[in-house]
């Protein structure tokens, strides 16, 4: 029997054991979170009615962002009241994401000026109240120096104070880097008492910016990995595990290379549903017993895709529970949507007993 087949059987047995036997019912915490980022650009391919709220507990609608004057900018076609309505109809929560890669130029000038900062806080709270959002997710990628780091801390502190004055629950979360260098960007000691939780982007360990090809999200590795990141945050940074959501990528990265950790070109992202289609083209699936993730190789053995599949997602959900984290976060929902099925999301549901 091949090692990856044996491992998959072990995963199934462990999952069923954790879930209380073969009846598929898990004993889970009532506040365990499964959060999905919903990018504005997937509205046509993944409409609100396709979102599975039997598994998802929270949605983050991406992206809005500040300009330098404290005003709110939005993606074209961003507003989607049906998504908010579907979320609330299911008894779930929805926040708006502020920032995102390439949308953060307004953060430094806005956060540095007390008057502009106050204007932005007023604007974003009114935006949430007027449109039915239950909170905000701050995704500033990334403060570039100690002053910007301090300004982010001040922004969060003032936002928390203003939100609390509303007299009703209001979520404030943050998307943060998986790298151990992220302490340069975030004052976790101050932030951890003001945010509800951190959405940790435990992916993008290799890509177009690296010299070699490697796993997008290795659970374990000789260098940085999902585990080294979580250990760093809960250890050196002192972030309580219950303030952390483990990031799960519903995409991979494709490289021109002939070996894992070998020289490469490329490294662009590729969503899960497009990865699955490669099996029809003769690609072969392999498994890394160290990093606990799969990868696939094309028939000419000169191109590889490093990604997560239901087996590795199941292992990572078990890891999140073992580390007593608050739950898991997905970038991004809809990336595994195929013929009405969502295999990666369904794997989370099975692993955490939410199906």
Protein backbone atom coordinates (compact mmCIF):
# COMPACT_ATOMS: atom_id res chain seq x y z
CA UNK A 1 0.00 0.00 0.00
CA UNK A 2 1.34 3.43 -0.93
CA UNK A 3 2.25 5.68 1.99
CA UNK A 4 -0.17 8.47 1.06
CA UNK A 5 -3.06 5.98 0.82
CA UNK A 6 -2.20 4.59 4.26
CA UNK A 7 -1.99 8.10 5.63
CA UNK A 8 -5.39 8.99 4.22
CA UNK A 9 -6.94 5.97 5.95
CA UNK A 10 -5.34 7.08 9.24
CA UNK A 11 -6.76 10.58 8.73
CA UNK A 12 -10.27 9.19 8.27
CA UNK A 13 -9.98 7.02 11.38
CA UNK A 14 -8.67 9.90 13.48
CA UNK A 15 -11.40 12.22 12.22
CA UNK A 16 -14.13 9.72 13.01
CA UNK A 17 -12.64 9.12 16.45
CA UNK A 18 -12.54 12.84 17.19
CA UNK A 19 -16.13 13.08 15.96
CA UNK A 20 -17.33 10.52 18.47
CA UNK A 21 -17.38 7.41 16.34
CA UNK A 22 -18.89 6.58 12.97
CA UNK A 23 -22.07 8.61 13.47
CA UNK A 24 -20.33 11.78 12.31
CA UNK A 25 -21.35 13.83 15.37
CA UNK A 26 -18.54 15.89 16.88
CA UNK A 27 -18.35 17.25 20.39
CA UNK A 28 -17.37 20.81 19.55
CA UNK A 29 -17.26 24.14 21.30
CA UNK A 30 -20.33 26.28 20.70
CA UNK A 31 -18.13 29.22 19.72
CA UNK A 32 -15.84 27.36 17.29
CA UNK A 33 -15.54 29.50 14.18
CA UNK A 34 -15.41 28.65 10.48
CA UNK A 35 -14.86 31.96 8.71
CA UNK A 36 -14.81 32.50 4.98
CA UNK A 37 -13.54 35.53 3.10
CA UNK A 38 -15.95 36.36 0.29
CA UNK A 39 -14.22 38.53 -2.36
CA UNK A 40 -16.47 40.95 -4.23
CA UNK A 41 -15.33 39.57 -7.58
CA UNK A 42 -16.83 36.08 -7.04
CA UNK A 43 -20.43 37.30 -6.91
CA UNK A 44 -21.29 35.92 -10.36
CA UNK A 45 -19.54 32.54 -10.03
CA UNK A 46 -20.45 31.98 -6.37
CA UNK A 47 -23.75 33.71 -5.56
CA UNK A 48 -25.00 34.25 -2.04
CA UNK A 49 -27.45 31.36 -2.27
CA UNK A 50 -24.53 28.93 -2.84
CA UNK A 51 -22.84 29.82 0.46
CA UNK A 52 -23.13 26.89 2.89
CA UNK A 53 -24.05 28.37 6.25
CA UNK A 54 -24.45 24.93 7.80
CA UNK A 55 -20.63 24.97 7.92
CA UNK A 56 -19.65 28.64 7.81
CA UNK A 57 -20.27 30.69 10.95
CA UNK A 58 -18.85 34.02 9.70
CA UNK A 59 -18.34 35.81 6.39
CA UNK A 60 -15.88 38.60 5.70
CA UNK A 61 -16.86 40.60 2.62
CA UNK A 62 -13.73 41.85 0.83
CA UNK A 63 -12.72 44.64 0.20
CA UNK A 64 -13.31 48.22 1.23
CA UNK A 65 -10.42 50.52 2.14
CA UNK A 66 -9.61 54.03 3.41
CA UNK A 67 -8.31 56.86 1.30
CA UNK A 68 -5.91 59.43 2.69
CA UNK A 69 -8.82 61.67 3.79
CA UNK A 70 -10.62 59.00 5.80
CA UNK A 71 -13.25 58.25 3.18
CA UNK A 72 -14.24 54.71 2.21
CA UNK A 73 -13.42 53.29 -1.22
CA UNK A 74 -15.00 50.11 -2.61
CA UNK A 75 -14.47 47.58 -5.38
CA UNK A 76 -16.73 48.26 -8.35
CA UNK A 77 -19.95 46.31 -7.77
CA UNK A 78 -18.98 45.65 -4.16
CA UNK A 79 -22.37 46.24 -2.56
CA UNK A 80 -24.24 42.95 -2.27
CA UNK A 81 -27.19 43.24 0.15
CA UNK A 82 -28.33 39.72 -0.73
CA UNK A 83 -25.14 38.31 0.82
CA UNK A 84 -25.81 40.19 4.05
CA UNK A 85 -29.43 39.06 4.05
CA UNK A 86 -28.51 35.39 3.46
CA UNK A 87 -25.92 35.55 6.24
CA UNK A 88 -28.34 36.98 8.77
CA UNK A 89 -31.17 34.69 7.68
CA UNK A 90 -28.88 31.79 8.63
CA UNK A 91 -28.17 33.37 12.02
CA UNK A 92 -24.53 34.07 11.09
CA UNK A 93 -22.32 37.18 11.22
CA UNK A 94 -20.81 39.19 8.38
CA UNK A 95 -18.01 41.78 8.55
CA UNK A 96 -16.46 44.05 5.95
CA UNK A 97 -12.73 43.71 5.19
CA UNK A 98 -10.71 46.94 5.17
CA UNK A 99 -7.61 46.87 2.98
CA UNK A 100 -6.25 43.78 1.30
CA UNK A 101 -3.16 43.42 -0.86
CA UNK A 102 -2.79 46.50 -3.07
CA UNK A 103 -5.52 48.48 -1.29
CA UNK A 104 -3.56 49.83 1.66
CA UNK A 105 -2.02 53.11 0.49
CA UNK A 106 -4.60 55.11 2.41
CA UNK A 107 -3.81 53.55 5.78
CA UNK A 108 -0.54 55.40 6.57
CA UNK A 109 -1.77 58.99 6.02
CA UNK A 110 -5.22 58.30 7.48
CA UNK A 111 -3.94 56.63 10.66
CA UNK A 112 -1.21 59.25 11.23
CA UNK A 113 -3.63 62.20 11.51
CA UNK A 114 -5.92 62.20 14.59
CA UNK A 115 -8.63 64.21 12.83
CA UNK A 116 -8.63 62.06 9.70
CA UNK A 117 -8.44 58.90 11.77
CA UNK A 118 -11.51 59.93 13.76
CA UNK A 119 -13.33 60.74 10.51
CA UNK A 120 -12.56 57.29 9.12
CA UNK A 121 -13.75 55.57 12.29
CA UNK A 122 -17.03 57.50 12.12
CA UNK A 123 -17.39 56.70 8.43
CA UNK A 124 -16.77 52.98 8.80
CA UNK A 125 -19.11 52.59 11.77
CA UNK A 126 -21.86 54.42 9.89
CA UNK A 127 -21.16 52.29 6.80
CA UNK A 128 -21.58 49.10 8.84
CA UNK A 129 -24.73 50.31 10.60
CA UNK A 130 -26.35 51.55 7.39
CA UNK A 131 -25.62 48.35 5.45
CA UNK A 132 -26.05 45.67 8.12
CA UNK A 133 -22.46 44.57 8.71
CA UNK A 134 -21.67 43.12 12.14
CA UNK A 135 -18.06 44.30 12.28
CA UNK A 136 -14.84 45.06 10.45
CA UNK A 137 -11.71 43.10 9.59
CA UNK A 138 -8.56 45.22 9.33
CA UNK A 139 -6.23 43.94 6.63
CA UNK A 140 -3.41 46.49 6.42
CA UNK A 141 -0.65 44.77 4.44
CA UNK A 142 1.61 45.98 6.03
CA UNK A 143 2.81 48.81 8.32
CA UNK A 144 6.27 49.70 6.98
CA UNK A 145 7.95 51.16 10.06
CA UNK A 146 7.56 51.54 13.86
CA UNK A 147 5.50 54.72 13.50
CA UNK A 148 2.98 53.06 11.20
CA UNK A 149 2.90 50.08 13.56
CA UNK A 150 2.00 52.40 16.44
CA UNK A 151 -0.58 54.21 14.34
CA UNK A 152 -2.27 50.90 13.56
CA UNK A 153 -2.43 50.16 17.28
CA UNK A 154 -3.96 53.58 17.94
CA UNK A 155 -6.48 53.10 15.13
CA UNK A 156 -7.63 49.79 16.57
CA UNK A 157 -7.83 51.20 20.12
CA UNK A 158 -9.94 54.17 19.02
CA UNK A 159 -12.12 52.00 16.81
CA UNK A 160 -12.76 49.64 19.71
CA UNK A 161 -13.72 52.51 22.01
CA UNK A 162 -16.06 54.01 19.42
CA UNK A 163 -17.62 50.64 18.60
CA UNK A 164 -18.21 49.86 22.28
CA UNK A 165 -20.06 53.16 22.64
CA UNK A 166 -22.69 51.87 20.21
CA UNK A 167 -24.04 49.70 23.00
CA UNK A 168 -24.24 46.48 20.99
CA UNK A 169 -21.78 43.77 19.92
CA UNK A 170 -19.40 44.77 17.15
CA UNK A 171 -16.66 42.51 15.81
CA UNK A 172 -13.16 43.85 15.26
CA UNK A 173 -10.79 41.30 13.72
CA UNK A 174 -7.43 41.52 11.94
CA UNK A 175 -5.80 39.63 9.10
CA UNK A 176 -2.14 39.10 10.00
CA UNK A 177 0.89 37.59 8.31
CA UNK A 178 2.05 34.05 8.98
CA UNK A 179 5.73 35.04 9.03
CA UNK A 180 7.68 35.31 12.27
CA UNK A 181 8.77 38.74 11.03
CA UNK A 182 5.18 39.95 11.56
CA UNK A 183 6.14 41.34 14.97
CA UNK A 184 7.60 44.26 12.99
CA UNK A 185 4.08 45.04 11.77
CA UNK A 186 1.85 44.37 14.76
CA UNK A 187 2.00 45.25 18.45
CA UNK A 188 0.33 42.04 19.55
CA UNK A 189 0.66 42.89 23.25
CA UNK A 190 -1.63 45.90 22.75
CA UNK A 191 -3.81 44.54 19.98
CA UNK A 192 -4.76 41.20 21.54
CA UNK A 193 -7.05 42.81 24.13
CA UNK A 194 -8.83 45.00 21.56
CA UNK A 195 -9.55 42.59 18.70
CA UNK A 196 -11.90 39.65 18.86
CA UNK A 197 -9.43 37.44 17.01
CA UNK A 198 -6.61 37.36 14.45
CA UNK A 199 -7.14 35.76 11.03
CA UNK A 200 -3.69 34.29 10.47
CA UNK A 201 -2.70 34.00 6.81
CA UNK A 202 -0.90 30.67 7.14
CA UNK A 203 -0.19 30.34 3.43
CA UNK A 204 1.94 31.94 0.70
CA UNK A 205 5.14 30.50 2.14
CA UNK A 206 6.43 30.13 -1.44
CA UNK A 207 5.46 31.99 -4.59
CA UNK A 208 6.64 34.29 -7.36
CA UNK A 209 8.86 36.12 -4.84
CA UNK A 210 10.92 33.07 -3.73
CA UNK A 211 14.02 31.60 -5.38
CA UNK A 212 12.81 28.00 -5.16
CA UNK A 213 9.52 26.12 -5.47
CA UNK A 214 7.84 24.95 -2.29
CA UNK A 215 4.59 24.23 -0.53
CA UNK A 216 2.04 27.02 -0.37
CA UNK A 217 1.03 26.09 3.18
CA UNK A 218 3.21 23.36 4.77
CA UNK A 219 1.93 22.31 8.15
CA UNK A 220 5.50 21.39 9.16
CA UNK A 221 8.82 22.18 7.50
CA UNK A 222 12.52 22.63 8.26
CA UNK A 223 12.04 26.38 7.75
CA UNK A 224 8.88 28.44 8.27
CA UNK A 225 5.57 26.61 8.31
CA UNK A 226 2.05 26.80 9.66
CA UNK A 227 3.29 25.28 12.92
CA UNK A 228 6.24 27.66 13.37
CA UNK A 229 3.88 30.59 12.83
CA UNK A 230 1.31 29.43 15.39
CA UNK A 231 4.08 28.58 17.86
CA UNK A 232 5.56 32.06 17.36
CA UNK A 233 2.23 33.81 17.92
CA UNK A 234 1.20 31.83 20.99
CA UNK A 235 4.74 31.74 22.39
CA UNK A 236 6.92 34.78 21.80
CA UNK A 237 4.04 37.12 20.93
CA UNK A 238 1.80 35.92 23.76
CA UNK A 239 -1.38 35.73 21.69
CA UNK A 240 -3.93 33.47 23.42
CA UNK A 241 -4.86 30.48 21.22
CA UNK A 242 -8.53 31.41 21.53
CA UNK A 243 -7.70 34.67 19.70
CA UNK A 244 -6.38 32.84 16.60
CA UNK A 245 -8.08 31.47 13.49
CA UNK A 246 -5.91 29.17 11.37
CA UNK A 247 -5.82 30.19 7.71
CA UNK A 248 -6.74 27.52 5.15
CA UNK A 249 -5.99 28.25 1.47
CA UNK A 250 -8.53 27.15 -1.11
CA UNK A 251 -5.88 27.70 -3.80
CA UNK A 252 -2.36 26.58 -4.61
CA UNK A 253 0.68 27.87 -6.48
CA UNK A 254 2.05 26.59 -9.77
CA UNK A 255 5.77 26.51 -10.59
CA UNK A 256 7.92 25.50 -13.51
CA UNK A 257 10.31 23.18 -11.67
CA UNK A 258 11.47 19.59 -11.62
CA UNK A 259 11.68 19.09 -7.88
CA UNK A 260 10.34 20.24 -4.55
CA UNK A 261 12.56 23.06 -3.22
CA UNK A 262 14.34 23.19 -6.57
CA UNK A 263 15.02 26.22 -8.80
CA UNK A 264 11.88 27.52 -10.45
CA UNK A 265 10.06 30.10 -12.46
CA UNK A 266 6.47 31.18 -11.85
CA UNK A 267 4.56 30.68 -8.63
CA UNK A 268 1.22 32.25 -9.51
CA UNK A 269 -1.92 31.30 -7.62
CA UNK A 270 -4.41 28.76 -8.96
CA UNK A 271 -7.78 28.03 -7.34
CA UNK A 272 -8.70 24.54 -6.18
CA UNK A 273 -11.34 23.84 -8.84
CA UNK A 274 -8.76 24.51 -11.57
CA UNK A 275 -6.22 22.28 -9.82
CA UNK A 276 -8.70 19.39 -9.77
CA UNK A 277 -9.21 19.67 -13.53
CA UNK A 278 -5.54 18.87 -14.08
CA UNK A 279 -6.14 15.26 -13.08
CA UNK A 280 -8.06 14.86 -16.35
CA UNK A 281 -4.88 15.99 -18.12
CA UNK A 282 -2.78 13.19 -16.64
CA UNK A 283 -1.22 15.00 -13.68
CA UNK A 284 -0.05 12.79 -10.78
CA UNK A 285 -0.76 13.42 -7.10
CA UNK A 286 2.07 13.06 -4.56
CA UNK A 287 2.11 13.49 -0.79
CA UNK A 288 4.75 15.05 1.47
CA UNK A 289 4.85 13.10 4.74
CA UNK A 290 6.81 15.89 6.46
CA UNK A 291 4.75 18.91 5.45
CA UNK A 292 1.46 16.93 5.44
CA UNK A 293 0.23 18.43 2.17
CA UNK A 294 -0.17 17.14 -1.40
CA UNK A 295 1.29 18.36 -4.64
CA UNK A 296 0.79 17.39 -8.27
CA UNK A 297 3.20 16.95 -11.18
CA UNK A 298 2.42 17.23 -14.89
CA UNK A 299 3.13 14.32 -17.27
CA UNK A 300 6.41 15.91 -18.47
CA UNK A 301 7.51 16.29 -14.83
CA UNK A 302 8.54 19.91 -15.32
CA UNK A 303 5.64 21.68 -13.61
CA UNK A 304 4.29 21.30 -10.07
CA UNK A 305 1.32 22.68 -8.16
CA UNK A 306 1.47 22.88 -4.36
CA UNK A 307 -1.93 23.10 -2.70
CA UNK A 308 -4.32 21.74 -0.07
CA UNK A 309 -6.93 19.04 -0.63
CA UNK A 310 -9.58 17.46 1.63
CA UNK A 311 -6.96 15.20 3.30
CA UNK A 312 -4.61 18.05 4.28
CA UNK A 313 -7.54 20.32 5.24
CA UNK A 314 -8.74 17.58 7.60
CA UNK A 315 -5.29 17.34 9.19
CA UNK A 316 -5.12 21.12 9.64
CA UNK A 317 -8.54 21.22 11.29
CA UNK A 318 -7.35 18.56 13.72
CA UNK A 319 -4.21 20.65 14.33
CA UNK A 320 -6.33 23.74 15.09
CA UNK A 321 -8.24 21.76 17.69
CA UNK A 322 -5.10 20.23 19.17
CA UNK A 323 -3.67 23.75 19.63
CA UNK A 324 -7.01 24.94 21.09
CA UNK A 325 -7.39 27.67 18.46
CA UNK A 326 -10.66 29.56 18.06
CA UNK A 327 -11.32 28.01 14.66
CA UNK A 328 -10.30 28.27 11.02
CA UNK A 329 -10.34 30.93 8.31
CA UNK A 330 -10.67 30.38 4.56
CA UNK A 331 -9.21 32.37 1.69
CA UNK A 332 -11.42 32.28 -0.16
CA UNK A 333 -14.87 30.70 -0.22
CA UNK A 334 -16.13 29.65 -3.63
CA UNK A 335 -12.71 28.61 -4.91
CA UNK A 336 -13.70 24.94 -4.54
CA UNK A 337 -17.24 25.37 -5.90
CA UNK A 338 -17.78 22.74 -8.61
CA UNK A 339 -21.06 21.31 -9.89
CA UNK A 340 -22.84 22.40 -6.74
CA UNK A 341 -20.25 20.73 -4.50
CA UNK A 342 -17.63 22.36 -2.25
CA UNK A 343 -15.20 19.56 -1.33
CA UNK A 344 -12.77 21.61 0.75
CA UNK A 345 -15.53 23.33 2.71
CA UNK A 346 -17.25 19.98 3.17
CA UNK A 347 -14.00 18.52 4.54
CA UNK A 348 -13.95 21.28 7.17
CA UNK A 349 -17.55 20.51 8.02
CA UNK A 350 -16.78 16.81 8.51
CA UNK A 351 -13.64 17.51 10.53
CA UNK A 352 -15.38 19.97 12.84
CA UNK A 353 -18.79 18.33 12.96
CA UNK A 354 -20.69 21.14 11.25
CA UNK A 355 -22.26 19.21 8.36
